[in-house]
Amino acid sequence: MTTSSLHRIVFLALAALVLTAAPASAHHMMGGEMPSTFSQGLLSGLGHPVIGLDHLAFLIAVGVAVGVGGLNLGLPVLFVAASAIGVGIHVGGFDLPGAELIVASSVVIVGALVASGRALPLAAWAALFGAAGLAHGYAYGESIFGAEPTPLAAYLLGLVIIQSVLSVGVALLFRVRTPSVSAIAPRLAGAVVVGIGIAALLGQIIPDA
């Protein structure tokens, strides 16, 4: 695959997400109903980060940042682990004010960092991914709050699987195909992620916009 082909794939894939993904408020594979079985919980966990455009954009941006920066693949794992903790915080009844605003803001921030084409220290990415993971996980927890232990465990399993596959998979793709953080493909992806984040942020600030 040539670099120009990768550029087109990145642009078209992210553009398709903008045009076709379900609204972030949907965020549920069960049509709004609480998962009650292992399989329902697993499907909901697998689907939640994919049908939530802001979550999906963040996962892609994580992969791009790690891939082009040659960063440790433990960074996506940190985000995934933090998101699982965030789910636990929510289902445990603890409050995280403004979680959806934090989620939308994190998408804008990580997209802007990727689009800037500048390398960041490992510690800075770790802090961002850890904090964002808690907020994204807390938001994920809304659709499973009050579920029985079996579907809840399956939901967490699904979240861990799909987020790991997406973030690490994108990271490996960009690590192989893109030479540096200043290349056009990751910067283009970052710019689209910023747009998605701004739309999500406006949706939180102005719900009827």
N, C-alpha and C. Protein backbone atom coordinates (compact mmCIF):
# COMPACT_ATOMS: atom_id res chain seq x y z
N MET A 1 0.84 -1.19 0.00
CA MET A 1 0.00 0.00 0.00
C MET A 1 0.88 1.25 0.00
N THR A 2 0.64 2.19 -0.92
CA THR A 2 1.42 3.41 -0.98
C THR A 2 0.94 4.39 0.08
N THR A 3 1.79 5.41 0.35
CA THR A 3 1.43 6.42 1.34
C THR A 3 0.18 7.18 0.91
N SER A 4 0.08 7.50 -0.39
CA SER A 4 -1.10 8.23 -0.87
C SER A 4 -2.35 7.40 -0.71
N SER A 5 -2.25 6.09 -0.89
CA SER A 5 -3.41 5.22 -0.69
C SER A 5 -3.84 5.24 0.76
N LEU A 6 -2.87 5.23 1.67
CA LEU A 6 -3.18 5.28 3.09
C LEU A 6 -3.87 6.59 3.43
N HIS A 7 -3.40 7.69 2.83
CA HIS A 7 -4.04 8.99 3.05
C HIS A 7 -5.51 8.91 2.67
N ARG A 8 -5.80 8.35 1.50
CA ARG A 8 -7.18 8.28 1.03
C ARG A 8 -8.03 7.39 1.94
N ILE A 9 -7.46 6.27 2.37
CA ILE A 9 -8.20 5.36 3.24
C ILE A 9 -8.56 6.04 4.55
N VAL A 10 -7.58 6.73 5.14
CA VAL A 10 -7.82 7.42 6.41
C VAL A 10 -8.92 8.47 6.25
N PHE A 11 -8.81 9.28 5.21
CA PHE A 11 -9.79 10.34 5.00
C PHE A 11 -11.18 9.78 4.75
N LEU A 12 -11.28 8.80 3.87
CA LEU A 12 -12.59 8.25 3.53
C LEU A 12 -13.22 7.52 4.71
N ALA A 13 -12.41 6.80 5.48
CA ALA A 13 -12.94 6.08 6.63
C ALA A 13 -13.49 7.04 7.68
N LEU A 14 -12.73 8.08 7.98
CA LEU A 14 -13.18 9.03 8.99
C LEU A 14 -14.35 9.86 8.48
N ALA A 15 -14.35 10.20 7.20
CA ALA A 15 -15.49 10.93 6.64
C ALA A 15 -16.75 10.08 6.71
N ALA A 16 -16.61 8.79 6.44
CA ALA A 16 -17.76 7.89 6.53
C ALA A 16 -18.30 7.83 7.95
N LEU A 17 -17.40 7.87 8.92
CA LEU A 17 -17.84 7.87 10.31
C LEU A 17 -18.67 9.10 10.61
N VAL A 18 -18.23 10.25 10.14
CA VAL A 18 -18.96 11.49 10.38
C VAL A 18 -20.37 11.43 9.79
N LEU A 19 -20.47 10.84 8.58
CA LEU A 19 -21.73 10.85 7.87
C LEU A 19 -22.70 9.75 8.30
N THR A 20 -22.18 8.61 8.76
CA THR A 20 -23.05 7.47 8.97
C THR A 20 -23.17 6.98 10.40
N ALA A 21 -22.26 7.37 11.27
CA ALA A 21 -22.32 6.84 12.63
C ALA A 21 -23.54 7.34 13.36
N ALA A 22 -24.04 6.52 14.30
CA ALA A 22 -25.19 6.91 15.10
C ALA A 22 -24.79 8.05 16.01
N PRO A 23 -25.77 8.87 16.44
CA PRO A 23 -25.47 9.94 17.37
C PRO A 23 -24.85 9.39 18.64
N ALA A 24 -23.98 10.20 19.27
CA ALA A 24 -23.27 9.73 20.46
C ALA A 24 -24.23 9.39 21.58
N SER A 25 -25.40 10.03 21.62
CA SER A 25 -26.33 9.78 22.71
C SER A 25 -26.97 8.40 22.61
N ALA A 26 -26.89 7.78 21.43
CA ALA A 26 -27.50 6.45 21.28
C ALA A 26 -26.73 5.42 22.08
N HIS A 27 -25.44 5.23 21.75
CA HIS A 27 -24.50 4.47 22.57
C HIS A 27 -25.07 3.19 23.16
N HIS A 28 -25.84 2.46 22.43
CA HIS A 28 -26.40 1.24 23.00
C HIS A 28 -26.74 0.26 21.89
N MET A 29 -26.33 -0.98 22.04
CA MET A 29 -26.59 -1.99 21.04
C MET A 29 -27.93 -2.68 21.23
N MET A 30 -28.54 -2.51 22.40
CA MET A 30 -29.77 -3.23 22.74
C MET A 30 -31.02 -2.38 22.56
N GLY A 31 -30.92 -1.33 21.73
CA GLY A 31 -32.08 -0.49 21.49
C GLY A 31 -32.55 0.24 22.74
N GLY A 32 -31.64 0.54 23.62
CA GLY A 32 -32.00 1.25 24.84
C GLY A 32 -32.37 0.36 26.00
N GLU A 33 -32.47 -0.94 25.76
CA GLU A 33 -32.82 -1.87 26.83
C GLU A 33 -31.57 -2.38 27.55
N MET A 34 -31.72 -2.67 28.83
CA MET A 34 -30.60 -3.16 29.63
C MET A 34 -30.22 -4.58 29.23
N PRO A 35 -28.96 -4.86 28.94
CA PRO A 35 -28.53 -6.24 28.66
C PRO A 35 -28.84 -7.13 29.85
N SER A 36 -29.39 -8.31 29.58
CA SER A 36 -29.78 -9.20 30.68
C SER A 36 -29.11 -10.56 30.62
N THR A 37 -28.34 -10.82 29.55
CA THR A 37 -27.64 -12.09 29.42
C THR A 37 -26.17 -11.83 29.09
N PHE A 38 -25.36 -12.88 29.16
CA PHE A 38 -23.94 -12.74 28.83
C PHE A 38 -23.76 -12.26 27.39
N SER A 39 -24.48 -12.88 26.46
CA SER A 39 -24.32 -12.53 25.05
C SER A 39 -24.76 -11.09 24.78
N GLN A 40 -25.84 -10.66 25.42
CA GLN A 40 -26.29 -9.28 25.24
C GLN A 40 -25.27 -8.30 25.81
N GLY A 41 -24.74 -8.63 26.98
CA GLY A 41 -23.72 -7.78 27.57
C GLY A 41 -22.48 -7.69 26.71
N LEU A 42 -22.05 -8.82 26.16
CA LEU A 42 -20.87 -8.85 25.31
C LEU A 42 -21.09 -8.01 24.05
N LEU A 43 -22.24 -8.20 23.40
CA LEU A 43 -22.54 -7.44 22.19
C LEU A 43 -22.62 -5.95 22.48
N SER A 44 -23.20 -5.59 23.60
CA SER A 44 -23.30 -4.18 23.97
C SER A 44 -21.92 -3.59 24.21
N GLY A 45 -21.07 -4.34 24.89
CA GLY A 45 -19.71 -3.88 25.14
C GLY A 45 -18.90 -3.74 23.86
N LEU A 46 -19.07 -4.70 22.94
CA LEU A 46 -18.36 -4.64 21.67
C LEU A 46 -18.85 -3.47 20.81
N GLY A 47 -20.15 -3.19 20.89
CA GLY A 47 -20.72 -2.17 20.02
C GLY A 47 -20.65 -0.75 20.52
N HIS A 48 -20.64 -0.58 21.84
CA HIS A 48 -20.73 0.77 22.40
C HIS A 48 -19.65 1.72 21.88
N PRO A 49 -18.37 1.34 21.91
CA PRO A 49 -17.35 2.27 21.42
C PRO A 49 -17.40 2.49 19.91
N VAL A 50 -18.08 1.61 19.19
CA VAL A 50 -18.14 1.73 17.73
C VAL A 50 -19.29 2.63 17.30
N ILE A 51 -20.45 2.51 17.95
CA ILE A 51 -21.58 3.34 17.54
C ILE A 51 -21.53 4.71 18.19
N GLY A 52 -20.66 4.89 19.18
CA GLY A 52 -20.46 6.23 19.75
C GLY A 52 -19.34 6.92 19.00
N LEU A 53 -19.67 7.88 18.16
CA LEU A 53 -18.69 8.49 17.26
C LEU A 53 -17.55 9.15 18.02
N ASP A 54 -17.85 9.81 19.15
CA ASP A 54 -16.79 10.47 19.90
C ASP A 54 -15.81 9.45 20.48
N HIS A 55 -16.34 8.34 21.00
CA HIS A 55 -15.47 7.29 21.54
C HIS A 55 -14.63 6.66 20.44
N LEU A 56 -15.25 6.39 19.31
CA LEU A 56 -14.53 5.75 18.20
C LEU A 56 -13.42 6.66 17.67
N ALA A 57 -13.73 7.96 17.55
CA ALA A 57 -12.73 8.91 17.08
C ALA A 57 -11.53 8.96 18.03
N PHE A 58 -11.82 8.90 19.33
CA PHE A 58 -10.72 8.94 20.30
C PHE A 58 -9.85 7.69 20.17
N LEU A 59 -10.47 6.54 20.03
CA LEU A 59 -9.72 5.30 19.89
C LEU A 59 -8.81 5.35 18.66
N ILE A 60 -9.33 5.86 17.56
CA ILE A 60 -8.53 5.98 16.34
C ILE A 60 -7.36 6.93 16.58
N ALA A 61 -7.64 8.05 17.25
CA ALA A 61 -6.59 9.03 17.52
C ALA A 61 -5.51 8.45 18.43
N VAL A 62 -5.92 7.66 19.40
CA VAL A 62 -4.95 6.98 20.27
C VAL A 62 -4.02 6.12 19.43
N GLY A 63 -4.61 5.33 18.56
CA GLY A 63 -3.80 4.46 17.70
C GLY A 63 -2.86 5.23 16.80
N VAL A 64 -3.36 6.31 16.22
CA VAL A 64 -2.52 7.13 15.33
C VAL A 64 -1.35 7.73 16.11
N ALA A 65 -1.66 8.31 17.28
CA ALA A 65 -0.61 8.94 18.09
C ALA A 65 0.47 7.94 18.49
N VAL A 66 0.04 6.77 18.91
CA VAL A 66 1.00 5.74 19.33
C VAL A 66 1.78 5.20 18.14
N GLY A 67 1.09 4.99 17.03
CA GLY A 67 1.75 4.42 15.85
C GLY A 67 2.80 5.33 15.25
N VAL A 68 2.43 6.58 14.97
CA VAL A 68 3.39 7.47 14.31
C VAL A 68 4.47 7.95 15.26
N GLY A 69 4.16 7.97 16.57
CA GLY A 69 5.15 8.41 17.53
C GLY A 69 6.10 7.31 17.96
N GLY A 70 5.85 6.08 17.50
CA GLY A 70 6.68 4.96 17.91
C GLY A 70 6.61 4.72 19.41
N LEU A 71 5.45 5.01 19.99
CA LEU A 71 5.28 4.93 21.44
C LEU A 71 4.98 3.50 21.88
N ASN A 72 5.14 3.26 23.15
CA ASN A 72 4.89 1.95 23.72
C ASN A 72 3.43 1.55 23.55
N LEU A 73 3.19 0.32 23.12
CA LEU A 73 1.82 -0.16 22.94
C LEU A 73 1.09 -0.32 24.27
N GLY A 74 1.81 -0.13 25.36
CA GLY A 74 1.16 -0.12 26.66
C GLY A 74 0.26 1.08 26.85
N LEU A 75 0.44 2.15 26.05
CA LEU A 75 -0.39 3.34 26.18
C LEU A 75 -1.86 3.06 25.85
N PRO A 76 -2.15 2.39 24.73
CA PRO A 76 -3.55 2.02 24.51
C PRO A 76 -4.10 1.13 25.61
N VAL A 77 -3.27 0.24 26.12
CA VAL A 77 -3.69 -0.63 27.22
C VAL A 77 -4.04 0.20 28.45
N LEU A 78 -3.26 1.25 28.69
CA LEU A 78 -3.55 2.16 29.81
C LEU A 78 -4.92 2.79 29.64
N PHE A 79 -5.21 3.26 28.43
CA PHE A 79 -6.53 3.86 28.18
C PHE A 79 -7.64 2.85 28.41
N VAL A 80 -7.48 1.65 27.89
CA VAL A 80 -8.50 0.61 28.03
C VAL A 80 -8.71 0.26 29.50
N ALA A 81 -7.61 0.11 30.24
CA ALA A 81 -7.73 -0.20 31.66
C ALA A 81 -8.42 0.92 32.42
N ALA A 82 -8.07 2.16 32.10
CA ALA A 82 -8.70 3.30 32.76
C ALA A 82 -10.19 3.37 32.44
N SER A 83 -10.56 3.01 31.21
CA SER A 83 -11.98 3.03 30.85
C SER A 83 -12.75 1.97 31.62
N ALA A 84 -12.13 0.81 31.85
CA ALA A 84 -12.79 -0.23 32.65
C ALA A 84 -12.99 0.25 34.09
N ILE A 85 -12.00 0.97 34.61
CA ILE A 85 -12.15 1.54 35.94
C ILE A 85 -13.26 2.58 35.96
N GLY A 86 -13.34 3.37 34.87
CA GLY A 86 -14.41 4.36 34.77
C GLY A 86 -15.79 3.74 34.79
N VAL A 87 -15.93 2.60 34.10
CA VAL A 87 -17.21 1.88 34.15
C VAL A 87 -17.51 1.48 35.59
N GLY A 88 -16.50 0.96 36.27
CA GLY A 88 -16.68 0.55 37.66
C GLY A 88 -17.09 1.69 38.55
N ILE A 89 -16.52 2.88 38.31
CA ILE A 89 -16.89 4.05 39.08
C ILE A 89 -18.37 4.37 38.90
N HIS A 90 -18.84 4.28 37.66
CA HIS A 90 -20.24 4.60 37.37
C HIS A 90 -21.18 3.58 37.99
N VAL A 91 -20.94 2.31 37.71
CA VAL A 91 -21.86 1.28 38.21
C VAL A 91 -21.77 1.15 39.73
N GLY A 92 -20.68 1.65 40.31
CA GLY A 92 -20.55 1.64 41.76
C GLY A 92 -21.31 2.77 42.42
N GLY A 93 -21.90 3.65 41.62
CA GLY A 93 -22.72 4.72 42.16
C GLY A 93 -21.98 6.00 42.46
N PHE A 94 -20.70 6.07 42.07
CA PHE A 94 -19.94 7.29 42.29
C PHE A 94 -20.21 8.29 41.17
N ASP A 95 -20.14 9.57 41.49
CA ASP A 95 -20.48 10.61 40.53
C ASP A 95 -19.23 11.22 39.91
N LEU A 96 -19.25 11.42 38.61
CA LEU A 96 -18.19 12.12 37.90
C LEU A 96 -18.84 13.24 37.10
N PRO A 97 -18.94 14.42 37.69
CA PRO A 97 -19.64 15.53 37.02
C PRO A 97 -19.02 15.89 35.68
N GLY A 98 -19.89 16.16 34.70
CA GLY A 98 -19.41 16.61 33.40
C GLY A 98 -18.65 15.59 32.61
N ALA A 99 -18.93 14.30 32.83
CA ALA A 99 -18.16 13.25 32.14
C ALA A 99 -18.26 13.38 30.62
N GLU A 100 -19.44 13.64 30.10
CA GLU A 100 -19.60 13.72 28.65
C GLU A 100 -18.86 14.93 28.09
N LEU A 101 -18.83 16.02 28.84
CA LEU A 101 -18.06 17.19 28.41
C LEU A 101 -16.56 16.86 28.38
N ILE A 102 -16.12 16.10 29.38
CA ILE A 102 -14.71 15.70 29.42
C ILE A 102 -14.40 14.79 28.23
N VAL A 103 -15.32 13.88 27.92
CA VAL A 103 -15.13 12.98 26.77
C VAL A 103 -14.98 13.78 25.49
N ALA A 104 -15.91 14.71 25.24
CA ALA A 104 -15.86 15.51 24.02
C ALA A 104 -14.59 16.35 23.97
N SER A 105 -14.23 16.93 25.10
CA SER A 105 -13.01 17.76 25.16
C SER A 105 -11.77 16.92 24.89
N SER A 106 -11.76 15.69 25.40
CA SER A 106 -10.59 14.83 25.19
C SER A 106 -10.42 14.49 23.71
N VAL A 107 -11.54 14.36 23.01
CA VAL A 107 -11.47 14.07 21.57
C VAL A 107 -10.85 15.25 20.83
N VAL A 108 -11.28 16.47 21.19
CA VAL A 108 -10.72 17.67 20.57
C VAL A 108 -9.22 17.77 20.86
N ILE A 109 -8.85 17.54 22.11
CA ILE A 109 -7.44 17.68 22.51
C ILE A 109 -6.54 16.68 21.81
N VAL A 110 -6.92 15.40 21.85
CA VAL A 110 -6.04 14.40 21.23
C VAL A 110 -5.99 14.59 19.72
N GLY A 111 -7.12 14.97 19.12
CA GLY A 111 -7.13 15.24 17.68
C GLY A 111 -6.21 16.40 17.32
N ALA A 112 -6.26 17.46 18.12
CA ALA A 112 -5.42 18.63 17.86
C ALA A 112 -3.94 18.29 18.03
N LEU A 113 -3.63 17.47 19.02
CA LEU A 113 -2.23 17.08 19.22
C LEU A 113 -1.72 16.26 18.04
N VAL A 114 -2.54 15.34 17.55
CA VAL A 114 -2.13 14.54 16.40
C VAL A 114 -2.00 15.42 15.15
N ALA A 115 -2.98 16.34 14.98
CA ALA A 115 -2.97 17.20 13.80
C ALA A 115 -1.80 18.17 13.80
N SER A 116 -1.28 18.49 14.98
CA SER A 116 -0.17 19.44 15.07
C SER A 116 1.13 18.88 14.49
N GLY A 117 1.22 17.55 14.43
CA GLY A 117 2.42 16.95 13.88
C GLY A 117 3.64 17.06 14.77
N ARG A 118 3.42 17.26 16.07
CA ARG A 118 4.54 17.39 17.00
C ARG A 118 4.58 16.20 17.95
N ALA A 119 5.78 15.76 18.26
CA ALA A 119 5.96 14.66 19.20
C ALA A 119 5.77 15.17 20.63
N LEU A 120 5.20 14.32 21.49
CA LEU A 120 5.01 14.65 22.89
C LEU A 120 5.72 13.61 23.75
N PRO A 121 6.11 13.98 24.96
CA PRO A 121 6.73 13.00 25.86
C PRO A 121 5.76 11.88 26.21
N LEU A 122 6.30 10.73 26.49
CA LEU A 122 5.49 9.58 26.86
C LEU A 122 4.60 9.88 28.06
N ALA A 123 5.15 10.60 29.04
CA ALA A 123 4.39 10.90 30.26
C ALA A 123 3.16 11.75 29.96
N ALA A 124 3.28 12.66 29.00
CA ALA A 124 2.14 13.52 28.65
C ALA A 124 1.02 12.70 28.03
N TRP A 125 1.37 11.81 27.11
CA TRP A 125 0.36 10.94 26.51
C TRP A 125 -0.27 10.04 27.57
N ALA A 126 0.55 9.51 28.48
CA ALA A 126 0.03 8.62 29.52
C ALA A 126 -0.97 9.34 30.40
N ALA A 127 -0.67 10.58 30.78
CA ALA A 127 -1.57 11.35 31.62
C ALA A 127 -2.89 11.62 30.89
N LEU A 128 -2.80 11.98 29.61
CA LEU A 128 -4.00 12.26 28.83
C LEU A 128 -4.85 11.02 28.65
N PHE A 129 -4.22 9.90 28.27
CA PHE A 129 -4.97 8.67 28.03
C PHE A 129 -5.58 8.13 29.32
N GLY A 130 -4.86 8.26 30.42
CA GLY A 130 -5.40 7.78 31.69
C GLY A 130 -6.61 8.56 32.13
N ALA A 131 -6.50 9.90 32.09
CA ALA A 131 -7.61 10.74 32.51
C ALA A 131 -8.81 10.58 31.56
N ALA A 132 -8.52 10.56 30.27
CA ALA A 132 -9.60 10.40 29.29
C ALA A 132 -10.26 9.04 29.43
N GLY A 133 -9.48 8.01 29.72
CA GLY A 133 -10.03 6.68 29.88
C GLY A 133 -11.08 6.62 30.99
N LEU A 134 -10.80 7.29 32.10
CA LEU A 134 -11.77 7.31 33.19
C LEU A 134 -13.09 7.94 32.75
N ALA A 135 -13.00 9.06 32.02
CA ALA A 135 -14.21 9.75 31.57
C ALA A 135 -14.98 8.93 30.54
N HIS A 136 -14.25 8.37 29.57
CA HIS A 136 -14.91 7.55 28.55
C HIS A 136 -15.58 6.33 29.20
N GLY A 137 -14.87 5.71 30.15
CA GLY A 137 -15.44 4.56 30.83
C GLY A 137 -16.67 4.92 31.64
N TYR A 138 -16.62 6.06 32.29
CA TYR A 138 -17.79 6.51 33.06
C TYR A 138 -18.99 6.67 32.14
N ALA A 139 -18.75 7.25 30.95
CA ALA A 139 -19.83 7.41 29.98
C ALA A 139 -20.33 6.05 29.50
N TYR A 140 -19.41 5.10 29.27
CA TYR A 140 -19.82 3.74 28.89
C TYR A 140 -20.73 3.13 29.96
N GLY A 141 -20.44 3.42 31.22
CA GLY A 141 -21.16 2.80 32.31
C GLY A 141 -22.63 3.14 32.36
N GLU A 142 -23.03 4.22 31.70
CA GLU A 142 -24.43 4.63 31.74
C GLU A 142 -25.35 3.55 31.17
N SER A 143 -24.91 2.88 30.11
CA SER A 143 -25.78 1.91 29.44
C SER A 143 -25.81 0.56 30.14
N ILE A 144 -24.99 0.37 31.17
CA ILE A 144 -24.97 -0.91 31.87
C ILE A 144 -25.28 -0.72 33.36
N PHE A 145 -25.55 0.49 33.76
CA PHE A 145 -25.82 0.79 35.17
C PHE A 145 -27.06 0.03 35.65
N GLY A 146 -26.92 -0.73 36.71
CA GLY A 146 -28.03 -1.50 37.25
C GLY A 146 -28.14 -2.91 36.71
N ALA A 147 -27.21 -3.31 35.83
CA ALA A 147 -27.27 -4.66 35.25
C ALA A 147 -26.81 -5.70 36.26
N GLU A 148 -27.20 -6.93 36.02
CA GLU A 148 -26.77 -8.05 36.85
C GLU A 148 -25.28 -8.33 36.60
N PRO A 149 -24.61 -9.04 37.51
CA PRO A 149 -23.17 -9.28 37.38
C PRO A 149 -22.74 -9.95 36.08
N THR A 150 -23.53 -10.93 35.59
CA THR A 150 -23.11 -11.65 34.37
C THR A 150 -23.07 -10.75 33.15
N PRO A 151 -24.15 -10.04 32.80
CA PRO A 151 -24.06 -9.14 31.64
C PRO A 151 -23.07 -8.00 31.85
N LEU A 152 -22.89 -7.57 33.10
CA LEU A 152 -21.93 -6.51 33.39
C LEU A 152 -20.51 -6.98 33.08
N ALA A 153 -20.18 -8.19 33.53
CA ALA A 153 -18.85 -8.74 33.26
C ALA A 153 -18.63 -8.91 31.75
N ALA A 154 -19.67 -9.38 31.06
CA ALA A 154 -19.57 -9.57 29.62
C ALA A 154 -19.40 -8.23 28.91
N TYR A 155 -20.09 -7.23 29.40
CA TYR A 155 -19.99 -5.88 28.83
C TYR A 155 -18.55 -5.36 28.95
N LEU A 156 -17.97 -5.52 30.13
CA LEU A 156 -16.59 -5.09 30.33
C LEU A 156 -15.63 -5.86 29.42
N LEU A 157 -15.88 -7.15 29.27
CA LEU A 157 -15.05 -7.96 28.38
C LEU A 157 -15.13 -7.44 26.95
N GLY A 158 -16.35 -7.15 26.50
CA GLY A 158 -16.53 -6.61 25.16
C GLY A 158 -15.82 -5.29 24.97
N LEU A 159 -15.93 -4.41 25.96
CA LEU A 159 -15.25 -3.12 25.88
C LEU A 159 -13.74 -3.28 25.76
N VAL A 160 -13.20 -4.15 26.59
CA VAL A 160 -11.76 -4.35 26.58
C VAL A 160 -11.30 -4.91 25.23
N ILE A 161 -12.03 -5.86 24.69
CA ILE A 161 -11.65 -6.47 23.42
C ILE A 161 -11.69 -5.47 22.28
N ILE A 162 -12.83 -4.79 22.10
CA ILE A 162 -12.99 -3.92 20.93
C ILE A 162 -12.07 -2.72 21.00
N GLN A 163 -11.90 -2.15 22.19
CA GLN A 163 -11.03 -0.98 22.31
C GLN A 163 -9.57 -1.36 22.08
N SER A 164 -9.17 -2.51 22.58
CA SER A 164 -7.79 -2.96 22.39
C SER A 164 -7.51 -3.24 20.92
N VAL A 165 -8.45 -3.93 20.26
CA VAL A 165 -8.27 -4.26 18.85
C VAL A 165 -8.17 -3.00 18.00
N LEU A 166 -9.07 -2.05 18.24
CA LEU A 166 -9.09 -0.83 17.43
C LEU A 166 -7.84 0.02 17.65
N SER A 167 -7.54 0.31 18.90
CA SER A 167 -6.44 1.23 19.19
C SER A 167 -5.08 0.62 18.82
N VAL A 168 -4.87 -0.63 19.21
CA VAL A 168 -3.59 -1.28 18.90
C VAL A 168 -3.49 -1.56 17.40
N GLY A 169 -4.60 -1.95 16.78
CA GLY A 169 -4.59 -2.22 15.34
C GLY A 169 -4.23 -0.99 14.53
N VAL A 170 -4.84 0.15 14.87
CA VAL A 170 -4.52 1.40 14.17
C VAL A 170 -3.07 1.79 14.42
N ALA A 171 -2.62 1.60 15.67
CA ALA A 171 -1.23 1.93 15.99
C ALA A 171 -0.26 1.12 15.14
N LEU A 172 -0.51 -0.17 15.00
CA LEU A 172 0.38 -1.02 14.21
C LEU A 172 0.35 -0.63 12.73
N LEU A 173 -0.84 -0.28 12.23
CA LEU A 173 -0.96 0.12 10.83
C LEU A 173 -0.13 1.37 10.56
N PHE A 174 -0.27 2.38 11.41
CA PHE A 174 0.46 3.61 11.19
C PHE A 174 1.95 3.45 11.48
N ARG A 175 2.29 2.58 12.38
CA ARG A 175 3.71 2.35 12.68
C ARG A 175 4.42 1.77 11.45
N VAL A 176 3.72 0.94 10.71
CA VAL A 176 4.31 0.31 9.53
C VAL A 176 4.30 1.23 8.32
N ARG A 177 3.21 2.00 8.16
CA ARG A 177 3.00 2.72 6.91
C ARG A 177 3.37 4.19 6.94
N THR A 178 3.52 4.79 8.12
CA THR A 178 3.74 6.22 8.20
C THR A 178 5.07 6.51 8.88
N PRO A 179 5.96 7.28 8.25
CA PRO A 179 7.31 7.45 8.78
C PRO A 179 7.44 8.37 9.99
N SER A 180 6.58 9.35 10.15
CA SER A 180 6.78 10.30 11.24
C SER A 180 5.48 10.98 11.63
N VAL A 181 5.51 11.67 12.79
CA VAL A 181 4.32 12.38 13.27
C VAL A 181 3.96 13.55 12.37
N SER A 182 4.91 14.03 11.57
CA SER A 182 4.64 15.18 10.71
C SER A 182 4.10 14.80 9.35
N ALA A 183 3.95 13.49 9.07
CA ALA A 183 3.41 13.04 7.79
C ALA A 183 1.96 13.48 7.65
N ILE A 184 1.49 13.54 6.42
CA ILE A 184 0.16 14.10 6.16
C ILE A 184 -0.97 13.20 6.65
N ALA A 185 -0.81 11.88 6.55
CA ALA A 185 -1.90 10.97 6.92
C ALA A 185 -2.34 11.12 8.38
N PRO A 186 -1.41 11.05 9.35
CA PRO A 186 -1.84 11.21 10.73
C PRO A 186 -2.37 12.60 11.03
N ARG A 187 -1.81 13.62 10.40
CA ARG A 187 -2.28 14.99 10.64
C ARG A 187 -3.68 15.18 10.08
N LEU A 188 -3.95 14.56 8.95
CA LEU A 188 -5.29 14.61 8.37
C LEU A 188 -6.28 13.90 9.29
N ALA A 189 -5.90 12.73 9.79
CA ALA A 189 -6.76 12.00 10.72
C ALA A 189 -7.03 12.83 11.96
N GLY A 190 -6.00 13.48 12.48
CA GLY A 190 -6.17 14.32 13.66
C GLY A 190 -7.13 15.46 13.43
N ALA A 191 -7.05 16.07 12.25
CA ALA A 191 -7.95 17.19 11.94
C ALA A 191 -9.41 16.74 11.91
N VAL A 192 -9.65 15.56 11.34
CA VAL A 192 -11.03 15.05 11.30
C VAL A 192 -11.51 14.73 12.70
N VAL A 193 -10.62 14.18 13.53
CA VAL A 193 -10.98 13.87 14.91
C VAL A 193 -11.35 15.16 15.66
N VAL A 194 -10.61 16.22 15.41
CA VAL A 194 -10.94 17.51 16.03
C VAL A 194 -12.36 17.93 15.67
N GLY A 195 -12.71 17.80 14.40
CA GLY A 195 -14.06 18.16 13.96
C GLY A 195 -15.12 17.35 14.66
N ILE A 196 -14.87 16.05 14.81
CA ILE A 196 -15.82 15.19 15.52
C ILE A 196 -15.95 15.62 16.97
N GLY A 197 -14.81 15.94 17.59
CA GLY A 197 -14.82 16.37 18.98
C GLY A 197 -15.57 17.67 19.17
N ILE A 198 -15.37 18.61 18.27
CA ILE A 198 -16.07 19.89 18.36
C ILE A 198 -17.58 19.69 18.22
N ALA A 199 -17.98 18.82 17.30
CA ALA A 199 -19.41 18.53 17.14
C ALA A 199 -19.99 17.92 18.40
N ALA A 200 -19.25 16.98 19.01
CA ALA A 200 -19.71 16.37 20.25
C ALA A 200 -19.77 17.38 21.38
N LEU A 201 -18.78 18.26 21.43
CA LEU A 201 -18.74 19.28 22.47
C LEU A 201 -19.91 20.25 22.34
N LEU A 202 -20.19 20.67 21.12
CA LEU A 202 -21.33 21.56 20.90
C LEU A 202 -22.64 20.87 21.23
N GLY A 203 -22.70 19.56 20.96
CA GLY A 203 -23.90 18.80 21.29
C GLY A 203 -24.15 18.75 22.78
N GLN A 204 -23.09 18.79 23.58
CA GLN A 204 -23.23 18.80 25.03
C GLN A 204 -23.58 20.19 25.56
N ILE A 205 -22.98 21.21 24.95
CA ILE A 205 -23.22 22.57 25.42
C ILE A 205 -24.56 23.10 24.95
N ILE A 206 -24.89 22.76 23.66
CA ILE A 206 -26.16 23.21 23.08
C ILE A 206 -26.89 21.96 22.61
N PRO A 207 -27.63 21.27 23.49
CA PRO A 207 -28.24 19.98 23.16
C PRO A 207 -29.12 19.99 21.92
N ASP A 208 -29.77 21.10 21.63
CA ASP A 208 -30.68 21.15 20.48
C ASP A 208 -30.02 21.66 19.23
N ALA A 209 -28.70 21.88 19.29
CA ALA A 209 -28.00 22.42 18.12
C ALA A 209 -27.92 21.38 17.01
